[in-house]
PDB file of N, CA and C in Angstrom:
ATOM      1  N   MET A   1     111.692  81.639 225.875  1.00  0.00           N
ATOM      2  CA  MET A   1     112.144  82.862 225.202  1.00  0.00           C
ATOM      3  C   MET A   1     113.585  82.385 224.287  1.00  0.00           C
ATOM      4  N   LYS A   2     114.353  81.979 225.301  1.00  0.00           N
ATOM      5  CA  LYS A   2     115.760  81.274 224.688  1.00  0.00           C
ATOM      6  C   LYS A   2     115.544  80.362 223.473  1.00  0.00           C
ATOM      7  N   LYS A   3     114.693  79.427 223.750  1.00  0.00           N
ATOM      8  CA  LYS A   3     114.462  78.393 222.631  1.00  0.00           C
ATOM      9  C   LYS A   3     113.717  79.125 221.366  1.00  0.00           C
ATOM     10  N   ILE A   4     113.079  80.125 221.570  1.00  0.00           N
ATOM     11  CA  ILE A   4     112.638  80.796 220.288  1.00  0.00           C
ATOM     12  C   ILE A   4     113.660  81.782 219.571  1.00  0.00           C
ATOM     13  N   ILE A   5     114.643  82.186 220.279  1.00  0.00           N
ATOM     14  CA  ILE A   5     115.662  83.089 219.772  1.00  0.00           C
ATOM     15  C   ILE A   5     116.593  82.200 219.212  1.00  0.00           C
ATOM     16  N   LEU A   6     116.925  80.791 219.894  1.00  0.00           N
ATOM     17  CA  LEU A   6     117.980  79.924 219.190  1.00  0.00           C
ATOM     18  C   LEU A   6     117.142  79.440 217.957  1.00  0.00           C
ATOM     19  N   GLY A   7     115.992  78.961 217.881  1.00  0.00           N
ATOM     20  CA  GLY A   7     115.220  78.698 216.961  1.00  0.00           C
ATOM     21  C   GLY A   7     115.296  79.490 215.698  1.00  0.00           C
ATOM     22  N   LEU A   8     115.181  80.761 215.835  1.00  0.00           N
ATOM     23  CA  LEU A   8     115.085  81.899 214.885  1.00  0.00           C
ATOM     24  C   LEU A   8     116.731  81.906 214.304  1.00  0.00           C
ATOM     25  N   GLY A   9     117.836  81.804 215.171  1.00  0.00           N
ATOM     26  CA  GLY A   9     118.828  82.043 214.974  1.00  0.00           C
ATOM     27  C   GLY A   9     119.443  80.824 213.854  1.00  0.00           C
ATOM     28  N   VAL A  10     118.920  79.560 214.242  1.00  0.00           N
ATOM     29  CA  VAL A  10     119.099  78.206 213.474  1.00  0.00           C
ATOM     30  C   VAL A  10     118.466  78.453 212.167  1.00  0.00           C
ATOM     31  N   LEU A  11     117.343  79.055 212.107  1.00  0.00           N
ATOM     32  CA  LEU A  11     116.536  78.997 210.773  1.00  0.00           C
ATOM     33  C   LEU A  11     117.137  80.295 209.904  1.00  0.00           C
ATOM     34  N   VAL A  12     117.597  81.129 210.483  1.00  0.00           N
ATOM     35  CA  VAL A  12     118.384  82.228 209.731  1.00  0.00           C
ATOM     36  C   VAL A  12     119.729  81.664 209.035  1.00  0.00           C
ATOM     37  N   MET A  13     120.517  80.757 209.860  1.00  0.00           N
ATOM     38  CA  MET A  13     121.638  80.053 209.290  1.00  0.00           C
ATOM     39  C   MET A  13     121.379  78.975 208.192  1.00  0.00           C
ATOM     40  N   VAL A  14     120.371  78.574 208.326  1.00  0.00           N
ATOM     41  CA  VAL A  14     119.875  77.404 207.339  1.00  0.00           C
ATOM     42  C   VAL A  14     119.550  78.092 206.206  1.00  0.00           C
ATOM     43  N   LEU A  15     118.729  79.124 206.174  1.00  0.00           N
ATOM     44  CA  LEU A  15     118.317  80.023 205.135  1.00  0.00           C
ATOM     45  C   LEU A  15     119.738  80.571 204.477  1.00  0.00           C
ATOM     46  N   THR A  16     120.600  81.285 205.217  1.00  0.00           N
ATOM     47  CA  THR A  16     121.557  81.779 204.627  1.00  0.00           C
ATOM     48  C   THR A  16     122.612  80.647 204.002  1.00  0.00           C
ATOM     49  N   GLY A  17     122.607  79.805 204.395  1.00  0.00           N
ATOM     50  CA  GLY A  17     123.502  78.480 204.075  1.00  0.00           C
ATOM     51  C   GLY A  17     122.802  77.987 202.580  1.00  0.00           C
ATOM     52  N   PHE A  18     121.624  78.034 202.246  1.00  0.00           N
ATOM     53  CA  PHE A  18     120.951  77.599 201.433  1.00  0.00           C
ATOM     54  C   PHE A  18     121.043  78.749 200.118  1.00  0.00           C
ATOM     55  N   THR A  19     120.852  79.905 200.840  1.00  0.00           N
ATOM     56  CA  THR A  19     121.022  80.989 199.815  1.00  0.00           C
ATOM     57  C   THR A  19     122.441  80.955 199.015  1.00  0.00           C
ATOM     58  N   GLY A  20     123.470  80.838 200.072  1.00  0.00           N
ATOM     59  CA  GLY A  20     124.792  81.123 199.536  1.00  0.00           C
ATOM     60  C   GLY A  20     125.205  79.830 198.481  1.00  0.00           C
ATOM     61  N   PHE A  21     124.583  78.466 198.899  1.00  0.00           N
ATOM     62  CA  PHE A  21     124.968  77.548 197.989  1.00  0.00           C
ATOM     63  C   PHE A  21     124.300  77.656 196.520  1.00  0.00           C
ATOM     64  N   LYS A  22     123.167  78.006 196.799  1.00  0.00           N
ATOM     65  CA  LYS A  22     122.375  78.493 195.346  1.00  0.00           C
ATOM     66  C   LYS A  22     123.183  79.505 195.014  1.00  0.00           C
ATOM     67  N   PHE A  23     123.446  80.624 195.082  1.00  0.00           N
ATOM     68  CA  PHE A  23     124.398  81.411 194.333  1.00  0.00           C
ATOM     69  C   PHE A  23     125.602  80.786 194.066  1.00  0.00           C
ATOM     70  N   TYR A  24     126.408  80.268 194.726  1.00  0.00           N
ATOM     71  CA  TYR A  24     127.575  79.526 194.281  1.00  0.00           C
ATOM     72  C   TYR A  24     127.335  78.596 193.026  1.00  0.00           C
ATOM     73  N   THR A  25     126.098  77.965 192.868  1.00  0.00           N
ATOM     74  CA  THR A  25     126.096  76.852 192.054  1.00  0.00           C
ATOM     75  C   THR A  25     125.931  77.668 190.692  1.00  0.00           C
ATOM     76  N   ASN A  26     124.846  78.867 190.876  1.00  0.00           N
ATOM     77  CA  ASN A  26     124.490  79.516 189.531  1.00  0.00           C
ATOM     78  C   ASN A  26     125.761  80.421 189.262  1.00  0.00           C
ATOM     79  N   ALA A  27     126.749  80.800 189.861  1.00  0.00           N
ATOM     80  CA  ALA A  27     127.576  81.839 189.586  1.00  0.00           C
ATOM     81  C   ALA A  27     128.900  80.965 189.050  1.00  0.00           C
ATOM     82  N   PHE A  28     129.135  79.947 189.789  1.00  0.00           N
ATOM     83  CA  PHE A  28     130.498  79.267 189.651  1.00  0.00           C
ATOM     84  C   PHE A  28     130.471  77.814 188.933  1.00  0.00           C
ATOM     85  N   SER A  29     129.313  77.570 188.290  1.00  0.00           N
ATOM     86  CA  SER A  29     129.172  76.523 187.651  1.00  0.00           C
ATOM     87  C   SER A  29     129.878  76.228 186.204  1.00  0.00           C
ATOM     88  N   LYS A  30     130.783  75.459 185.836  1.00  0.00           N
ATOM     89  CA  LYS A  30     131.229  75.266 184.567  1.00  0.00           C
ATOM     90  C   LYS A  30     130.136  74.576 183.568  1.00  0.00           C
ATOM     91  N   ILE A  31     130.127  75.169 182.568  1.00  0.00           N
ATOM     92  CA  ILE A  31     129.286  74.840 181.396  1.00  0.00           C
ATOM     93  C   ILE A  31     129.987  74.594 180.166  1.00  0.00           C
ATOM     94  N   GLU A  32     129.827  73.449 179.451  1.00  0.00           N
ATOM     95  CA  GLU A  32     130.803  73.154 178.515  1.00  0.00           C
ATOM     96  C   GLU A  32     129.525  73.271 177.104  1.00  0.00           C
ATOM     97  N   TYR A  33     130.104  74.214 176.089  1.00  0.00           N
ATOM     98  CA  TYR A  33     129.679  74.412 174.985  1.00  0.00           C
ATOM     99  C   TYR A  33     130.420  73.735 173.787  1.00  0.00           C
ATOM    100  N   TYR A  34     129.766  73.295 172.834  1.00  0.00           N
ATOM    101  CA  TYR A  34     130.056  72.770 171.519  1.00  0.00           C
ATOM    102  C   TYR A  34     130.112  73.955 170.504  1.00  0.00           C
ATOM    103  N   VAL A  35     131.038  74.121 169.636  1.00  0.00           N
ATOM    104  CA  VAL A  35     130.913  75.051 168.369  1.00  0.00           C
ATOM    105  C   VAL A  35     131.620  74.298 167.280  1.00  0.00           C
ATOM    106  N   LYS A  36     130.807  74.598 166.014  1.00  0.00           N
ATOM    107  CA  LYS A  36     131.859  74.122 164.932  1.00  0.00           C
ATOM    108  C   LYS A  36     132.266  75.428 164.387  1.00  0.00           C
ATOM    109  N   VAL A  37     133.366  75.460 163.831  1.00  0.00           N
ATOM    110  CA  VAL A  37     133.701  76.836 163.256  1.00  0.00           C
ATOM    111  C   VAL A  37     133.009  76.848 161.925  1.00  0.00           C
ATOM    112  N   PRO A  38     132.509  78.008 161.773  1.00  0.00           N
ATOM    113  CA  PRO A  38     131.580  78.214 160.339  1.00  0.00           C
ATOM    114  C   PRO A  38     132.473  78.666 159.309  1.00  0.00           C
ATOM    115  N   SER A  39     132.229  78.431 158.074  1.00  0.00           N
ATOM    116  CA  SER A  39     132.571  78.953 156.673  1.00  0.00           C
ATOM    117  C   SER A  39     132.811  80.244 156.788  1.00  0.00           C
ATOM    118  N   GLY A  40     134.034  80.753 156.298  1.00  0.00           N
ATOM    119  CA  GLY A  40     133.925  82.117 155.875  1.00  0.00           C
ATOM    120  C   GLY A  40     134.677  82.925 157.326  1.00  0.00           C
ATOM    121  N   VAL A  41     135.182  82.098 158.336  1.00  0.00           N
ATOM    122  CA  VAL A  41     135.653  82.559 159.687  1.00  0.00           C
ATOM    123  C   VAL A  41     137.059  83.150 159.152  1.00  0.00           C
ATOM    124  N   GLU A  42     137.504  84.342 159.829  1.00  0.00           N
ATOM    125  CA  GLU A  42     138.503  85.077 159.390  1.00  0.00           C
ATOM    126  C   GLU A  42     139.978  83.981 160.088  1.00  0.00           C
ATOM    127  N   THR A  43     140.965  83.997 158.880  1.00  0.00           N
ATOM    128  CA  THR A  43     142.053  83.149 159.372  1.00  0.00           C
ATOM    129  C   THR A  43     143.194  84.012 159.222  1.00  0.00           C
ATOM    130  N   SER A  44     143.136  85.241 159.484  1.00  0.00           N
ATOM    131  CA  SER A  44     144.484  86.122 159.415  1.00  0.00           C
ATOM    132  C   SER A  44     144.371  86.620 160.864  1.00  0.00           C
ATOM    133  N   LEU A  45     145.888  86.932 161.126  1.00  0.00           N
ATOM    134  CA  LEU A  45     146.136  87.576 162.482  1.00  0.00           C
ATOM    135  C   LEU A  45     145.596  88.872 162.364  1.00  0.00           C
ATOM    136  N   GLU A  46     145.501  89.552 163.829  1.00  0.00           N
ATOM    137  CA  GLU A  46     145.187  91.213 163.940  1.00  0.00           C
ATOM    138  C   GLU A  46     145.885  91.244 165.080  1.00  0.00           C
ATOM    139  N   THR A  47     146.139  92.690 165.299  1.00  0.00           N
ATOM    140  CA  THR A  47     146.966  93.367 166.139  1.00  0.00           C
ATOM    141  C   THR A  47     145.780  94.459 166.697  1.00  0.00           C
ATOM    142  N   TRP A  48     145.815  94.486 168.151  1.00  0.00           N
ATOM    143  CA  TRP A  48     144.894  95.732 168.902  1.00  0.00           C
ATOM    144  C   TRP A  48     145.630  95.791 170.070  1.00  0.00           C
ATOM    145  N   ARG A  49     145.186  97.183 170.691  1.00  0.00           N
ATOM    146  CA  ARG A  49     146.078  97.537 171.681  1.00  0.00           C
ATOM    147  C   ARG A  49     145.225  97.344 173.036  1.00  0.00           C
ATOM    148  N   GLU A  50     145.800  97.086 173.908  1.00  0.00           N
ATOM    149  CA  GLU A  50     145.110  96.782 175.295  1.00  0.00           C
ATOM    150  C   GLU A  50     146.025  97.642 176.266  1.00  0.00           C
ATOM    151  N   GLY A  51     145.794  98.829 176.843  1.00  0.00           N
ATOM    152  CA  GLY A  51     146.552  99.554 177.612  1.00  0.00           C
ATOM    153  C   GLY A  51     147.947 100.053 177.006  1.00  0.00           C
ATOM    154  N   ARG A  52     149.175  99.649 177.513  1.00  0.00           N
ATOM    155  CA  ARG A  52     150.251  99.872 176.963  1.00  0.00           C
ATOM    156  C   ARG A  52     150.605  98.877 175.985  1.00  0.00           C
ATOM    157  N   PHE A  53     150.059  97.966 175.906  1.00  0.00           N
ATOM    158  CA  PHE A  53     150.435  96.498 174.971  1.00  0.00           C
ATOM    159  C   PHE A  53     149.736  96.275 173.652  1.00  0.00           C
ATOM    160  N   ASN A  54     150.587  95.784 172.789  1.00  0.00           N
ATOM    161  CA  ASN A  54     150.110  95.549 171.488  1.00  0.00           C
ATOM    162  C   ASN A  54     149.650  93.856 171.381  1.00  0.00           C
ATOM    163  N   ILE A  55     148.416  93.368 171.439  1.00  0.00           N
ATOM    164  CA  ILE A  55     148.100  92.212 171.158  1.00  0.00           C
ATOM    165  C   ILE A  55     147.966  91.517 169.796  1.00  0.00           C
ATOM    166  N   THR A  56     148.555  90.467 169.765  1.00  0.00           N
ATOM    167  CA  THR A  56     148.589  89.819 168.344  1.00  0.00           C
ATOM    168  C   THR A  56     147.833  88.441 168.405  1.00  0.00           C
ATOM    169  N   GLY A  57     146.558  88.557 167.605  1.00  0.00           N
ATOM    170  CA  GLY A  57     145.785  87.104 167.533  1.00  0.00           C
ATOM    171  C   GLY A  57     144.622  87.274 166.877  1.00  0.00           C
ATOM    172  N   ARG A  58     143.594  86.740 167.125  1.00  0.00           N
ATOM    173  CA  ARG A  58     142.304  86.740 166.586  1.00  0.00           C
ATOM    174  C   ARG A  58     141.158  86.589 167.653  1.00  0.00           C
ATOM    175  N   ARG A  59     140.204  87.721 167.418  1.00  0.00           N
ATOM    176  CA  ARG A  59     138.823  87.329 168.450  1.00  0.00           C
ATOM    177  C   ARG A  59     137.914  87.083 167.586  1.00  0.00           C
ATOM    178  N   TYR A  60     137.051  85.765 168.307  1.00  0.00           N
ATOM    179  CA  TYR A  60     136.015  85.269 167.596  1.00  0.00           C
ATOM    180  C   TYR A  60     134.879  85.387 168.560  1.00  0.00           C
ATOM    181  N   GLU A  61     133.762  85.380 167.775  1.00  0.00           N
ATOM    182  CA  GLU A  61     132.332  85.157 168.715  1.00  0.00           C
ATOM    183  C   GLU A  61     131.567  84.094 167.886  1.00  0.00           C
ATOM    184  N   PHE A  62     131.059  83.105 168.707  1.00  0.00           N
ATOM    185  CA  PHE A  62     130.371  81.944 167.910  1.00  0.00           C
ATOM    186  C   PHE A  62     128.986  81.753 168.891  1.00  0.00           C
ATOM    187  N   VAL A  63     128.373  81.133 168.335  1.00  0.00           N
ATOM    188  CA  VAL A  63     127.028  80.631 169.112  1.00  0.00           C
ATOM    189  C   VAL A  63     127.409  79.098 169.479  1.00  0.00           C
ATOM    190  N   GLY A  64     127.471  78.640 170.726  1.00  0.00           N
ATOM    191  CA  GLY A  64     127.733  77.360 171.111  1.00  0.00           C
ATOM    192  C   GLY A  64     126.410  76.767 171.653  1.00  0.00           C
ATOM    193  N   VAL A  65     126.673  75.495 171.627  1.00  0.00           N
ATOM    194  CA  VAL A  65     125.336  74.689 172.142  1.00  0.00           C
ATOM    195  C   VAL A  65     126.089  73.808 173.409  1.00  0.00           C
ATOM    196  N   ASN A  66     125.101  73.549 174.677  1.00  0.00           N
ATOM    197  CA  ASN A  66     125.452  72.921 175.684  1.00  0.00           C
ATOM    198  C   ASN A  66     124.648  71.431 175.415  1.00  0.00           C
ATOM    199  N   GLU A  67     124.931  70.479 176.324  1.00  0.00           N
ATOM    200  CA  GLU A  67     124.241  69.474 176.302  1.00  0.00           C
ATOM    201  C   GLU A  67     123.011  69.258 176.568  1.00  0.00           C
ATOM    202  N   GLU A  68     122.481  70.422 177.065  1.00  0.00           N
ATOM    203  CA  GLU A  68     121.023  70.360 177.345  1.00  0.00           C
ATOM    204  C   GLU A  68     120.279  70.924 176.153  1.00  0.00           C
ATOM    205  N   GLY A  69     120.894  71.394 174.972  1.00  0.00           N
ATOM    206  CA  GLY A  69     120.366  72.020 173.808  1.00  0.00           C
ATOM    207  C   GLY A  69     120.477  73.561 173.580  1.00  0.00           C
ATOM    208  N   GLN A  70     120.871  74.113 174.744  1.00  0.00           N
ATOM    209  CA  GLN A  70     120.707  75.658 174.924  1.00  0.00           C
ATOM    210  C   GLN A  70     122.048  76.251 174.154  1.00  0.00           C
ATOM    211  N   ASP A  71     121.586  77.195 173.558  1.00  0.00           N
ATOM    212  CA  ASP A  71     122.571  78.199 172.614  1.00  0.00           C
ATOM    213  C   ASP A  71     122.800  79.371 173.379  1.00  0.00           C
ATOM    214  N   ARG A  72     124.038  79.802 173.036  1.00  0.00           N
ATOM    215  CA  ARG A  72     124.554  80.993 173.884  1.00  0.00           C
ATOM    216  C   ARG A  72     125.831  81.625 172.936  1.00  0.00           C
ATOM    217  N   VAL A  73     125.737  82.946 172.770  1.00  0.00           N
ATOM    218  CA  VAL A  73     126.941  83.798 172.194  1.00  0.00           C
ATOM    219  C   VAL A  73     128.271  83.407 173.168  1.00  0.00           C
ATOM    220  N   LEU A  74     129.298  82.985 172.524  1.00  0.00           N
ATOM    221  CA  LEU A  74     130.498  82.992 173.276  1.00  0.00           C
ATOM    222  C   LEU A  74     131.458  83.788 172.567  1.00  0.00           C
ATOM    223  N   LYS A  75     132.524  84.461 173.436  1.00  0.00           N
ATOM    224  CA  LYS A  75     133.499  85.332 172.778  1.00  0.00           C
ATOM    225  C   LYS A  75     134.784  84.629 173.262  1.00  0.00           C
ATOM    226  N   ILE A  76     135.765  84.301 172.201  1.00  0.00           N
ATOM    227  CA  ILE A  76     136.953  83.890 172.777  1.00  0.00           C
ATOM    228  C   ILE A  76     138.088  84.709 171.943  1.00  0.00           C
ATOM    229  N   GLU A  77     139.409  84.742 172.548  1.00  0.00           N
ATOM    230  CA  GLU A  77     140.390  85.444 171.904  1.00  0.00           C
ATOM    231  C   GLU A  77     141.685  84.273 171.763  1.00  0.00           C
ATOM    232  N   ILE A  78     142.296  84.397 170.970  1.00  0.00           N
ATOM    233  CA  ILE A  78     143.381  83.552 170.730  1.00  0.00           C
ATOM    234  C   ILE A  78     144.647  84.311 170.549  1.00  0.00           C
ATOM    235  N   THR A  79     145.477  84.510 171.490  1.00  0.00           N
ATOM    236  CA  THR A  79     146.405  85.515 171.321  1.00  0.00           C
ATOM    237  C   THR A  79     147.935  84.846 171.594  1.00  0.00           C
ATOM    238  N   ASP A  80     148.917  85.951 171.288  1.00  0.00           N
ATOM    239  CA  ASP A  80     150.082  85.416 171.332  1.00  0.00           C
ATOM    240  C   ASP A  80     150.902  84.934 172.483  1.00  0.00           C
ATOM    241  N   ASN A  81     150.558  85.282 173.708  1.00  0.00           N
ATOM    242  CA  ASN A  81     151.038  85.085 174.974  1.00  0.00           C
ATOM    243  C   ASN A  81     152.463  85.141 175.020  1.00  0.00           C
ATOM    244  N   HIS A  82     153.060  86.126 174.476  1.00  0.00           N
ATOM    245  CA  HIS A  82     154.832  86.404 174.468  1.00  0.00           C
ATOM    246  C   HIS A  82     155.377  84.959 173.686  1.00  0.00           C
ATOM    247  N   ARG A  83     154.875  84.504 172.779  1.00  0.00           N
ATOM    248  CA  ARG A  83     155.551  83.923 171.791  1.00  0.00           C
ATOM    249  C   ARG A  83     155.090  84.016 170.353  1.00  0.00           C
ATOM    250  N   ARG A  84     156.032  83.695 169.450  1.00  0.00           N
ATOM    251  CA  ARG A  84     155.549  84.108 168.134  1.00  0.00           C
ATOM    252  C   ARG A  84     154.495  83.189 167.840  1.00  0.00           C
ATOM    253  N   MET A  85     153.382  83.812 166.968  1.00  0.00           N
ATOM    254  CA  MET A  85     152.250  83.143 166.470  1.00  0.00           C
ATOM    255  C   MET A  85     152.133  83.417 165.183  1.00  0.00           C
ATOM    256  N   SER A  86     151.643  82.281 164.622  1.00  0.00           N
ATOM    257  CA  SER A  86     151.423  82.100 163.106  1.00  0.00           C
ATOM    258  C   SER A  86     149.926  82.035 162.887  1.00  0.00           C
ATOM    259  N   GLU A  87     149.474  82.020 161.612  1.00  0.00           N
ATOM    260  CA  GLU A  87     148.156  81.835 161.297  1.00  0.00           C
ATOM    261  C   GLU A  87     147.460  80.307 161.239  1.00  0.00           C
ATOM    262  N   GLU A  88     148.548  79.459 161.492  1.00  0.00           N
ATOM    263  CA  GLU A  88     148.197  77.987 161.652  1.00  0.00           C
ATOM    264  C   GLU A  88     147.528  77.766 163.130  1.00  0.00           C
ATOM    265  N   ASP A  89     147.822  78.837 163.878  1.00  0.00           N
ATOM    266  CA  ASP A  89     147.714  78.376 165.479  1.00  0.00           C
ATOM    267  C   ASP A  89     145.987  79.197 165.553  1.00  0.00           C
ATOM    268  N   LEU A  90     145.429  79.632 164.626  1.00  0.00           N
ATOM    269  CA  LEU A  90     144.116  80.109 164.529  1.00  0.00           C
ATOM    270  C   LEU A  90     143.100  79.118 164.297  1.00  0.00           C
ATOM    271  N   LEU A  91     141.964  79.381 164.599  1.00  0.00           N
ATOM    272  CA  LEU A  91     140.776  78.336 164.412  1.00  0.00           C
ATOM    273  C   LEU A  91     140.543  78.406 162.717  1.00  0.00           C
ATOM    274  N   GLN A  92     140.299  77.057 162.269  1.00  0.00           N
ATOM    275  CA  GLN A  92     140.158  76.673 160.968  1.00  0.00           C
ATOM    276  C   GLN A  92     138.639  76.201 160.467  1.00  0.00           C
ATOM    277  N   GLU A  93     138.280  76.711 159.481  1.00  0.00           N
ATOM    278  CA  GLU A  93     136.658  76.293 159.248  1.00  0.00           C
ATOM    279  C   GLU A  93     136.570  74.645 159.388  1.00  0.00           C
ATOM    280  N   GLY A  94     135.319  74.549 159.923  1.00  0.00           N
ATOM    281  CA  GLY A  94     135.085  73.261 160.191  1.00  0.00           C
ATOM    282  C   GLY A  94     135.744  72.474 161.379  1.00  0.00           C
ATOM    283  N   GLN A  95     136.644  72.983 162.168  1.00  0.00           N
ATOM    284  CA  GLN A  95     137.025  72.493 163.436  1.00  0.00           C
ATOM    285  C   GLN A  95     135.780  72.645 164.498  1.00  0.00           C
ATOM    286  N   TYR A  96     135.858  71.656 165.324  1.00  0.00           N
ATOM    287  CA  TYR A  96     135.192  71.636 166.347  1.00  0.00           C
ATOM    288  C   TYR A  96     135.764  72.084 167.831  1.00  0.00           C
ATOM    289  N   VAL A  97     135.202  72.991 168.452  1.00  0.00           N
ATOM    290  CA  VAL A  97     135.788  73.448 169.619  1.00  0.00           C
ATOM    291  C   VAL A  97     134.901  73.198 171.012  1.00  0.00           C
ATOM    292  N   LEU A  98     135.711  73.017 171.890  1.00  0.00           N
ATOM    293  CA  LEU A  98     134.937  72.841 173.111  1.00  0.00           C
ATOM    294  C   LEU A  98     135.017  74.010 174.196  1.00  0.00           C
ATOM    295  N   ILE A  99     134.197  74.796 174.280  1.00  0.00           N
ATOM    296  CA  ILE A  99     134.239  76.161 175.206  1.00  0.00           C
ATOM    297  C   ILE A  99     133.579  75.721 176.353  1.00  0.00           C
ATOM    298  N   VAL A 100     134.624  75.848 177.677  1.00  0.00           N
ATOM    299  CA  VAL A 100     134.140  75.975 178.856  1.00  0.00           C
ATOM    300  C   VAL A 100     133.881  77.305 179.433  1.00  0.00           C
ATOM    301  N   ALA A 101     132.861  77.621 179.898  1.00  0.00           N
ATOM    302  CA  ALA A 101     132.409  78.869 180.398  1.00  0.00           C
ATOM    303  C   ALA A 101     131.441  78.886 181.809  1.00  0.00           C
ATOM    304  N   LEU A 102     131.544  79.972 182.278  1.00  0.00           N
ATOM    305  CA  LEU A 102     131.041  80.214 183.318  1.00  0.00           C
ATOM    306  C   LEU A 102     129.478  80.935 183.056  1.00  0.00           C
ATOM    307  N   LYS A 103     128.450  81.303 184.196  1.00  0.00           N
ATOM    308  CA  LYS A 103     127.288  82.091 183.577  1.00  0.00           C
ATOM    309  C   LYS A 103     127.620  83.332 182.841  1.00  0.00           C
ATOM    310  N   ASN A 104     128.919  84.161 183.069  1.00  0.00           N
ATOM    311  CA  ASN A 104     129.026  85.416 182.264  1.00  0.00           C
ATOM    312  C   ASN A 104     130.530  85.616 181.645  1.00  0.00           C
ATOM    313  N   LYS A 105     131.222  84.334 181.954  1.00  0.00           N
ATOM    314  CA  LYS A 105     132.861  84.501 181.680  1.00  0.00           C
ATOM    315  C   LYS A 105     132.971  83.232 180.919  1.00  0.00           C
ATOM    316  N   VAL A 106     134.047  83.243 179.609  1.00  0.00           N
ATOM    317  CA  VAL A 106     134.459  82.191 178.996  1.00  0.00           C
ATOM    318  C   VAL A 106     135.907  81.922 179.713  1.00  0.00           C
ATOM    319  N   LEU A 107     135.976  80.644 180.269  1.00  0.00           N
ATOM    320  CA  LEU A 107     137.279  80.400 180.850  1.00  0.00           C
ATOM    321  C   LEU A 107     138.308  79.458 180.013  1.00  0.00           C
ATOM    322  N   ASP A 108     138.046  78.847 179.260  1.00  0.00           N
ATOM    323  CA  ASP A 108     139.059  77.798 178.131  1.00  0.00           C
ATOM    324  C   ASP A 108     138.354  77.335 177.112  1.00  0.00           C
ATOM    325  N   TYR A 109     139.205  76.896 176.182  1.00  0.00           N
ATOM    326  CA  TYR A 109     138.604  76.208 174.877  1.00  0.00           C
ATOM    327  C   TYR A 109     139.425  75.567 174.474  1.00  0.00           C
ATOM    328  N   GLU A 110     139.271  74.389 173.907  1.00  0.00           N
ATOM    329  CA  GLU A 110     140.027  73.402 173.110  1.00  0.00           C
ATOM    330  C   GLU A 110     139.367  72.785 172.022  1.00  0.00           C
ATOM    331  N   VAL A 111     140.328  72.661 170.644  1.00  0.00           N
ATOM    332  CA  VAL A 111     139.995  72.362 169.579  1.00  0.00           C
ATOM    333  C   VAL A 111     139.686  70.537 169.891  1.00  0.00           C
ATOM    334  N   ILE A 112     139.014  69.947 169.395  1.00  0.00           N
ATOM    335  CA  ILE A 112     138.417  68.713 169.649  1.00  0.00           C
ATOM    336  C   ILE A 112     138.013  67.976 168.127  1.00  0.00           C
ATOM    337  N   ARG A 113     138.341  66.578 168.462  1.00  0.00           N
ATOM    338  CA  ARG A 113     137.776  65.974 167.048  1.00  0.00           C
ATOM    339  C   ARG A 113     136.316  65.561 167.158  1.00  0.00           C
ATOM    340  N   GLU A 114     135.871  65.659 165.886  1.00  0.00           N
ATOM    341  CA  GLU A 114     134.341  65.063 165.623  1.00  0.00           C
ATOM    342  C   GLU A 114     133.781  64.056 166.344  1.00  0.00           C
ATOM    343  N   ASP A 115     134.738  63.037 166.657  1.00  0.00           N
ATOM    344  CA  ASP A 115     134.232  62.032 167.424  1.00  0.00           C
ATOM    345  C   ASP A 115     133.976  62.246 168.776  1.00  0.00           C
ATOM    346  N   GLN A 116     134.665  63.287 169.327  1.00  0.00           N
ATOM    347  CA  GLN A 116     134.354  63.740 170.958  1.00  0.00           C
ATOM    348  C   GLN A 116     133.018  64.511 170.987  1.00  0.00           C
ATOM    349  N   VAL A 117     132.421  65.033 169.858  1.00  0.00           N
ATOM    350  CA  VAL A 117     131.251  65.780 170.154  1.00  0.00           C
ATOM    351  C   VAL A 117     130.256  64.746 170.438  1.00  0.00           C
ATOM    352  N   PRO A 118     129.364  64.916 171.531  1.00  0.00           N
ATOM    353  CA  PRO A 118     128.013  64.129 171.714  1.00  0.00           C
ATOM    354  C   PRO A 118     127.168  64.017 170.285  1.00  0.00           C
ATOM    355  N   SER A 119     126.768  62.821 170.118  1.00  0.00           N
ATOM    356  CA  SER A 119     125.947  62.840 168.619  1.00  0.00           C
ATOM    357  C   SER A 119     124.864  63.665 168.877  1.00  0.00           C
ATOM    358  N   ASP A 120     124.147  63.925 169.627  1.00  0.00           N
ATOM    359  CA  ASP A 120     122.798  64.696 169.721  1.00  0.00           C
ATOM    360  C   ASP A 120     123.031  66.352 169.385  1.00  0.00           C
ATOM    361  N   ILE A 121     124.528  66.454 169.916  1.00  0.00           N
ATOM    362  CA  ILE A 121     124.767  68.107 169.725  1.00  0.00           C
ATOM    363  C   ILE A 121     125.382  68.193 168.202  1.00  0.00           C
ATOM    364  N   LEU A 122     126.151  67.074 167.670  1.00  0.00           N
ATOM    365  CA  LEU A 122     126.637  67.022 166.420  1.00  0.00           C
ATOM    366  C   LEU A 122     125.503  67.291 165.458  1.00  0.00           C
ATOM    367  N   GLY A 123     124.157  66.676 165.765  1.00  0.00           N
ATOM    368  CA  GLY A 123     123.532  66.966 164.652  1.00  0.00           C
ATOM    369  C   GLY A 123     122.857  68.460 164.937  1.00  0.00           C
ATOM    370  N   VAL A 124     122.946  69.026 165.604  1.00  0.00           N
ATOM    371  CA  VAL A 124     122.636  70.598 165.754  1.00  0.00           C
ATOM    372  C   VAL A 124     123.583  71.232 165.026  1.00  0.00           C
ATOM    373  N   LEU A 125     124.864  71.008 165.338  1.00  0.00           N
ATOM    374  CA  LEU A 125     125.823  71.746 164.812  1.00  0.00           C
ATOM    375  C   LEU A 125     126.288  71.647 163.227  1.00  0.00           C
ATOM    376  N   LYS A 126     125.534  70.443 162.574  1.00  0.00           N
ATOM    377  CA  LYS A 126     125.802  70.409 161.072  1.00  0.00           C
ATOM    378  C   LYS A 126     125.139  70.965 160.501  1.00  0.00           C
TER     379      LYS A 126
END
């Protein structure tokens, strides 16, 4: 009887560990998406209110492509972060952007050169 209970306990721990690992990898794995800023993108600053604060910057919504060829709508904000911001700090038409995201949240973005985009993704973005 003790061996059966011990065996069931080990089985429960293994299944719990496997389920937890699968949840962790699905929820917290970072995925890189590539975006080419389309023509007609807004290049002027806007101001909006969040709580008691006025935020200056620009909100963007792009469709990004990952290395597996899957696309996804990604939203990013470029804000002043307590410094003087100009329109040159905003994204410009034709720039390539690498966006790092979780399953449901964008973590970071970076403007990159065209030669830093994988060639198979570059064909999709053009």
